[in-house]
């Protein structure tokens, strides 16, 4: 008698930052079929994903629309740390675990942050831009834009979690004064990292030469860098955002840069992603040479390295295997399902 064919689980990847994906079958096993869709509109995921047992999602929104139409789904793994694009309460209502990977890429993002910090203080992008004009007279372009010594500056870190802590460690090697604000981190933890705790964001902004964000995007942090925030900055401050674009109100940044309150800014994340080249700040940046020397943009790549990619893929697959085998996952964000 012929043996019945074993049922295979269906794993769909809604979107991915690469054009293709190849998972480690030694972790995934042979009982899971994988399909990459590359679809950013959740309504266009159907009817394809209706039979999903598991989903990996990067940027695509996953709302009640999708969650109510995937009766077999047991887990949604968010490719990254943040999970604001997934309705975790609705997922809990449908008994779907939502997991993230809070413990990956913190070294990469910290390195990226320091790279942006050095690029601004040493004016690396500005000097590169001027030499691209192909004129020898720009070989020693004194006065092109401010070039500063990093040692002795005060760096204010907003959010002293995994990434913020890694930034604090790296700053020590450059001889900077590190201060931080994080209501969830004790002053003693900061002291161990050589960072002094401030009582408020305002106290931090008033003292910082350079401010860097390392916080999640949630209702409390959304557009926290608004007009009121910029009013308390030291004139000529530098700003770095490698966290989430929604933390910073773009219009308020434009105004602060126009007034010289913010001398330079470097951002790996934007309020609107992918980049909108018609957005006023971006449009101005594309056509203004001075602004190009004072504003550095990178395309949300601070998380990336071959090592971090392998790490997150392994963590996601192990979580998916746990849930599909009837066990509870690690790093579940809709915690009500873990009770």
Protein backbone atom coordinates (compact mmCIF):
# COMPACT_ATOMS: atom_id res chain seq x y z
CA UNK A 1 0.00 0.00 0.00
CA UNK A 2 1.35 3.44 -1.01
CA UNK A 3 2.26 5.73 1.87
CA UNK A 4 0.09 8.86 2.17
CA UNK A 5 1.88 12.05 1.20
CA UNK A 6 2.75 14.19 4.20
CA UNK A 7 1.11 17.63 4.28
CA UNK A 8 3.53 20.49 3.79
CA UNK A 9 3.18 23.78 5.64
CA UNK A 10 2.91 26.93 3.53
CA UNK A 11 5.25 29.81 4.37
CA UNK A 12 4.75 33.05 2.45
CA UNK A 13 7.17 35.97 2.42
CA UNK A 14 5.18 39.10 1.59
CA UNK A 15 8.20 41.28 0.74
CA UNK A 16 11.94 41.15 1.08
CA UNK A 17 14.78 43.63 0.56
CA UNK A 18 16.47 41.29 -1.93
CA UNK A 19 15.06 39.98 -5.19
CA UNK A 20 15.33 36.40 -4.04
CA UNK A 21 15.77 34.44 -0.85
CA UNK A 22 17.39 31.12 -0.06
CA UNK A 23 16.76 29.71 3.38
CA UNK A 24 18.90 27.14 5.16
CA UNK A 25 17.03 23.85 4.72
CA UNK A 26 18.89 22.33 7.66
CA UNK A 27 16.86 24.71 9.84
CA UNK A 28 13.70 24.91 7.76
CA UNK A 29 13.38 21.20 7.09
CA UNK A 30 11.54 19.58 4.18
CA UNK A 31 7.99 19.98 5.46
CA UNK A 32 7.67 23.72 4.70
CA UNK A 33 7.07 25.18 1.25
CA UNK A 34 8.35 28.74 0.79
CA UNK A 35 7.08 31.34 -1.65
CA UNK A 36 8.37 34.91 -2.06
CA UNK A 37 5.71 37.35 -3.29
CA UNK A 38 7.38 40.83 -3.22
CA UNK A 39 4.03 42.57 -2.72
CA UNK A 40 3.70 45.79 -0.70
CA UNK A 41 -0.12 46.02 -0.97
CA UNK A 42 -1.71 43.55 1.44
CA UNK A 43 -4.92 43.34 -0.60
CA UNK A 44 -2.91 42.03 -3.54
CA UNK A 45 -1.59 39.17 -1.41
CA UNK A 46 -4.90 37.38 -1.96
CA UNK A 47 -5.98 34.82 -2.92
CA UNK A 48 -2.36 33.59 -2.91
CA UNK A 49 -1.76 33.59 0.87
CA UNK A 50 -5.21 32.39 1.94
CA UNK A 51 -3.75 28.98 2.87
CA UNK A 52 -0.73 30.36 4.76
CA UNK A 53 0.46 28.51 7.86
CA UNK A 54 3.17 31.10 8.48
CA UNK A 55 4.13 34.52 7.08
CA UNK A 56 7.35 36.53 7.05
CA UNK A 57 6.79 40.24 6.52
CA UNK A 58 9.14 43.19 6.06
CA UNK A 59 7.36 46.46 5.16
CA UNK A 60 3.94 45.27 3.92
CA UNK A 61 1.10 46.30 6.26
CA UNK A 62 -0.67 43.35 7.88
CA UNK A 63 -4.04 44.45 9.24
CA UNK A 64 -7.40 42.89 10.12
CA UNK A 65 -8.06 42.68 6.38
CA UNK A 66 -5.37 40.02 6.04
CA UNK A 67 -5.60 38.48 9.50
CA UNK A 68 -9.30 37.63 9.08
CA UNK A 69 -8.57 35.84 5.78
CA UNK A 70 -5.78 33.44 6.81
CA UNK A 71 -7.51 30.82 9.03
CA UNK A 72 -4.58 28.38 9.02
CA UNK A 73 -1.93 30.93 9.96
CA UNK A 74 -0.22 30.39 13.30
CA UNK A 75 2.70 32.83 13.19
CA UNK A 76 3.78 36.08 11.53
CA UNK A 77 7.49 36.81 11.76
CA UNK A 78 8.49 40.43 11.27
CA UNK A 79 11.79 40.79 9.43
CA UNK A 80 13.42 43.21 11.86
CA UNK A 81 13.11 44.80 15.27
CA UNK A 82 10.09 47.09 14.82
CA UNK A 83 6.62 45.70 14.16
CA UNK A 84 4.46 48.80 13.70
CA UNK A 85 3.19 47.56 10.33
CA UNK A 86 1.50 44.52 11.93
CA UNK A 87 -1.74 44.83 13.91
CA UNK A 88 -0.64 42.73 16.88
CA UNK A 89 -3.93 43.07 18.78
CA UNK A 90 -5.93 41.82 15.82
CA UNK A 91 -3.42 39.00 15.36
CA UNK A 92 -3.91 37.97 18.99
CA UNK A 93 -7.67 37.93 18.42
CA UNK A 94 -7.10 35.39 15.64
CA UNK A 95 -4.61 33.40 17.78
CA UNK A 96 -1.67 34.28 15.53
CA UNK A 97 1.70 34.79 17.20
CA UNK A 98 3.61 37.87 16.02
CA UNK A 99 7.35 37.72 16.62
CA UNK A 100 10.22 40.11 15.94
CA UNK A 101 14.02 39.94 16.21
CA UNK A 102 15.06 42.51 18.82
CA UNK A 103 18.50 40.99 19.28
CA UNK A 104 19.95 41.28 15.79
CA UNK A 105 21.86 44.01 13.90
CA UNK A 106 22.54 46.19 16.93
CA UNK A 107 26.25 46.20 16.09
CA UNK A 108 25.58 47.09 12.44
CA UNK A 109 23.26 49.99 13.34
CA UNK A 110 25.72 51.27 15.95
CA UNK A 111 28.54 51.13 13.37
CA UNK A 112 26.33 52.94 10.85
CA UNK A 113 25.54 55.60 13.44
CA UNK A 114 29.22 56.20 14.14
CA UNK A 115 29.93 56.29 10.40
CA UNK A 116 27.33 59.03 9.97
CA UNK A 117 28.67 60.89 12.99
CA UNK A 118 32.20 60.87 11.58
CA UNK A 119 30.96 61.76 8.10
CA UNK A 120 29.34 64.89 9.53
CA UNK A 121 32.09 66.00 11.90
CA UNK A 122 34.86 65.38 9.35
CA UNK A 123 32.70 66.59 6.43
CA UNK A 124 33.57 63.46 4.43
CA UNK A 125 30.53 63.62 2.16
CA UNK A 126 31.05 67.32 1.48
CA UNK A 127 34.67 66.87 0.45
CA UNK A 128 33.79 63.89 -1.72
CA UNK A 129 31.04 65.90 -3.43
CA UNK A 130 33.29 68.85 -4.25
CA UNK A 131 36.05 66.68 -5.73
CA UNK A 132 33.52 65.04 -8.04
CA UNK A 133 33.34 68.38 -9.88
CA UNK A 134 36.64 67.45 -11.48
CA UNK A 135 38.38 70.77 -10.78
CA UNK A 136 41.81 70.82 -9.07
CA UNK A 137 41.04 74.12 -7.36
CA UNK A 138 38.84 72.14 -4.98
CA UNK A 139 41.72 70.00 -3.74
CA UNK A 140 42.01 72.06 -0.55
CA UNK A 141 38.47 73.44 -0.20
CA UNK A 142 38.79 75.30 3.10
CA UNK A 143 35.52 76.89 4.14
CA UNK A 144 33.44 74.38 2.19
CA UNK A 145 31.58 73.41 5.35
CA UNK A 146 32.40 73.00 9.01
CA UNK A 147 34.87 70.27 9.88
CA UNK A 148 35.15 69.51 13.56
CA UNK A 149 37.05 67.49 16.12
CA UNK A 150 34.84 64.79 17.65
CA UNK A 151 36.78 64.53 20.91
CA UNK A 152 35.26 66.70 23.61
CA UNK A 153 31.82 66.95 22.02
CA UNK A 154 28.70 65.93 23.93
CA UNK A 155 26.72 63.13 22.29
CA UNK A 156 23.15 62.73 23.47
CA UNK A 157 21.66 59.26 23.00
CA UNK A 158 17.88 59.01 23.09
CA UNK A 159 17.17 55.38 23.92
CA UNK A 160 19.80 53.26 25.69
CA UNK A 161 18.64 49.80 24.64
CA UNK A 162 20.78 47.31 22.74
CA UNK A 163 21.70 49.70 19.91
CA UNK A 164 22.01 52.82 22.05
CA UNK A 165 24.32 50.93 24.42
CA UNK A 166 26.53 49.85 21.51
CA UNK A 167 26.73 53.47 20.34
CA UNK A 168 27.73 54.57 23.87
CA UNK A 169 30.53 51.97 23.92
CA UNK A 170 31.87 53.16 20.58
CA UNK A 171 31.70 56.82 21.60
CA UNK A 172 34.02 56.19 24.54
CA UNK A 173 36.85 55.40 22.14
CA UNK A 174 36.50 58.85 20.56
CA UNK A 175 36.76 60.70 23.85
CA UNK A 176 33.30 62.26 23.74
CA UNK A 177 31.05 63.10 26.66
CA UNK A 178 28.03 60.76 26.48
CA UNK A 179 24.66 61.57 28.00
CA UNK A 180 21.39 59.71 27.52
CA UNK A 181 17.67 59.81 28.12
CA UNK A 182 15.70 56.61 28.54
CA UNK A 183 12.94 56.33 31.15
CA UNK A 184 13.34 52.54 31.16
CA UNK A 185 17.07 52.46 31.92
CA UNK A 186 18.57 53.13 35.36
CA UNK A 187 21.33 55.70 35.76
CA UNK A 188 23.66 52.96 37.05
CA UNK A 189 23.38 51.06 33.76
CA UNK A 190 24.38 54.22 31.94
CA UNK A 191 27.35 54.74 34.27
CA UNK A 192 28.67 51.29 33.36
CA UNK A 193 28.70 52.46 29.73
CA UNK A 194 30.23 55.83 30.58
CA UNK A 195 26.95 57.66 29.94
CA UNK A 196 25.20 60.09 32.28
CA UNK A 197 21.41 59.94 32.54
CA UNK A 198 19.38 63.07 31.89
CA UNK A 199 16.02 63.72 33.57
CA UNK A 200 14.24 64.64 30.33
CA UNK A 201 14.63 64.88 26.56
CA UNK A 202 14.77 68.66 26.95
CA UNK A 203 17.70 68.46 29.38
CA UNK A 204 19.51 66.24 26.88
CA UNK A 205 18.85 68.45 23.86
CA UNK A 206 20.03 71.58 25.67
CA UNK A 207 23.44 70.00 26.36
CA UNK A 208 24.10 67.92 23.25
CA UNK A 209 26.31 68.83 20.29
CA UNK A 210 25.18 65.64 18.54
CA UNK A 211 21.88 63.83 19.11
CA UNK A 212 21.21 60.28 17.98
CA UNK A 213 17.91 58.37 18.19
CA UNK A 214 17.69 54.70 19.17
CA UNK A 215 14.06 54.19 20.14
CA UNK A 216 11.11 52.23 18.71
CA UNK A 217 8.26 53.92 16.88
CA UNK A 218 5.08 53.89 18.97
CA UNK A 219 2.34 56.39 19.89
CA UNK A 220 4.62 58.02 22.49
CA UNK A 221 7.61 58.47 20.17
CA UNK A 222 5.85 59.31 16.90
CA UNK A 223 7.08 62.75 15.70
CA UNK A 224 8.69 63.39 19.09
CA UNK A 225 11.30 65.43 17.19
CA UNK A 226 8.83 68.19 16.41
CA UNK A 227 8.89 72.00 16.55
CA UNK A 228 9.00 71.99 20.37
CA UNK A 229 11.91 69.52 20.34
CA UNK A 230 13.97 71.68 17.98
CA UNK A 231 13.33 74.81 20.06
CA UNK A 232 15.51 73.37 22.82
CA UNK A 233 18.49 72.33 20.70
CA UNK A 234 21.87 74.00 20.94
CA UNK A 235 22.38 76.17 17.86
CA UNK A 236 24.44 74.27 15.31
CA UNK A 237 23.56 70.81 16.63
CA UNK A 238 24.02 67.64 14.59
CA UNK A 239 21.19 65.12 14.35
CA UNK A 240 21.31 61.38 13.53
CA UNK A 241 18.33 59.08 13.01
CA UNK A 242 18.96 55.39 12.38
CA UNK A 243 15.85 54.30 14.30
CA UNK A 244 12.50 55.04 12.62
CA UNK A 245 11.58 57.84 10.23
CA UNK A 246 8.29 58.51 12.01
CA UNK A 247 10.14 59.70 15.12
CA UNK A 248 11.12 62.90 13.34
CA UNK A 249 8.77 65.47 11.82
CA UNK A 250 10.36 66.32 8.48
CA UNK A 251 8.82 69.82 8.22
CA UNK A 252 10.20 70.72 11.64
CA UNK A 253 13.69 69.52 10.62
CA UNK A 254 13.58 71.61 7.43
CA UNK A 255 12.68 74.69 9.47
CA UNK A 256 15.42 73.96 12.04
CA UNK A 257 18.05 73.57 9.31
CA UNK A 258 16.90 76.76 7.56
CA UNK A 259 17.32 78.65 10.85
CA UNK A 260 20.74 77.10 11.58
CA UNK A 261 19.48 75.36 14.72
CA UNK A 262 20.46 72.05 13.13
CA UNK A 263 23.70 72.49 11.22
CA UNK A 264 23.85 68.95 9.87
CA UNK A 265 21.61 65.89 9.86
CA UNK A 266 22.18 62.28 8.85
CA UNK A 267 19.31 59.86 8.39
CA UNK A 268 19.09 56.21 7.45
CA UNK A 269 15.30 56.32 7.85
CA UNK A 270 12.66 58.71 6.54
CA UNK A 271 9.16 59.69 7.58
CA UNK A 272 7.98 58.39 4.19
CA UNK A 273 9.56 55.21 2.83
CA UNK A 274 10.56 54.34 0.18
CA UNK A 275 11.98 57.80 -0.45
CA UNK A 276 9.58 60.28 -2.07
CA UNK A 277 11.62 62.48 -4.42
CA UNK A 278 8.75 64.98 -4.56
CA UNK A 279 8.79 65.53 -0.79
CA UNK A 280 9.93 69.15 -0.13
CA UNK A 281 13.07 68.28 1.87
CA UNK A 282 14.20 65.61 -0.61
CA UNK A 283 13.47 67.85 -3.58
CA UNK A 284 15.51 70.64 -2.01
CA UNK A 285 18.34 68.22 -1.16
CA UNK A 286 18.56 67.00 -4.77
CA UNK A 287 18.92 70.53 -6.12
CA UNK A 288 20.89 72.33 -3.41
CA UNK A 289 24.63 71.77 -3.23
CA UNK A 290 25.00 73.29 0.22
CA UNK A 291 22.24 71.08 1.63
CA UNK A 292 23.87 68.01 0.07
CA UNK A 293 26.92 68.79 2.20
CA UNK A 294 24.83 69.20 5.35
CA UNK A 295 22.30 66.41 4.96
CA UNK A 296 23.36 62.77 4.56
CA UNK A 297 20.78 60.19 3.55
CA UNK A 298 21.21 56.43 3.34
CA UNK A 299 18.42 54.05 2.18
CA UNK A 300 17.51 52.27 5.45
CA UNK A 301 20.50 49.95 5.29
CA UNK A 302 21.95 50.43 8.78
CA UNK A 303 20.81 46.93 9.75
CA UNK A 304 22.59 45.16 6.93
CA UNK A 305 25.60 42.91 6.82
CA UNK A 306 25.88 39.31 5.57
CA UNK A 307 26.28 38.25 9.19
CA UNK A 308 23.16 40.05 10.45
CA UNK A 309 21.11 38.73 7.52
CA UNK A 310 22.08 35.15 8.30
CA UNK A 311 21.39 35.75 11.98
CA UNK A 312 17.87 37.10 11.54
CA UNK A 313 16.89 34.45 9.00
CA UNK A 314 17.98 31.69 11.38
CA UNK A 315 16.06 33.26 14.27
CA UNK A 316 12.88 33.65 12.20
CA UNK A 317 13.01 30.10 10.87
CA UNK A 318 13.60 28.61 14.32
CA UNK A 319 10.58 30.53 15.64
CA UNK A 320 8.41 29.38 12.74
CA UNK A 321 9.51 25.76 13.30
CA UNK A 322 8.69 26.06 17.02
CA UNK A 323 5.15 27.28 16.39
CA UNK A 324 4.37 24.86 13.56
CA UNK A 325 5.45 22.02 15.86
CA UNK A 326 2.95 23.16 18.50
CA UNK A 327 5.36 25.09 20.76
CA UNK A 328 5.45 28.73 21.81
CA UNK A 329 7.85 31.15 20.09
CA UNK A 330 10.63 33.37 21.38
CA UNK A 331 10.24 37.18 21.23
CA UNK A 332 6.45 37.16 20.87
CA UNK A 333 5.17 40.76 20.85
CA UNK A 334 1.45 40.07 21.30
CA UNK A 335 2.23 38.75 24.76
CA UNK A 336 -1.35 37.89 25.66
CA UNK A 337 -0.90 34.68 23.66
CA UNK A 338 2.01 33.64 25.88
CA UNK A 339 -0.07 33.61 29.08
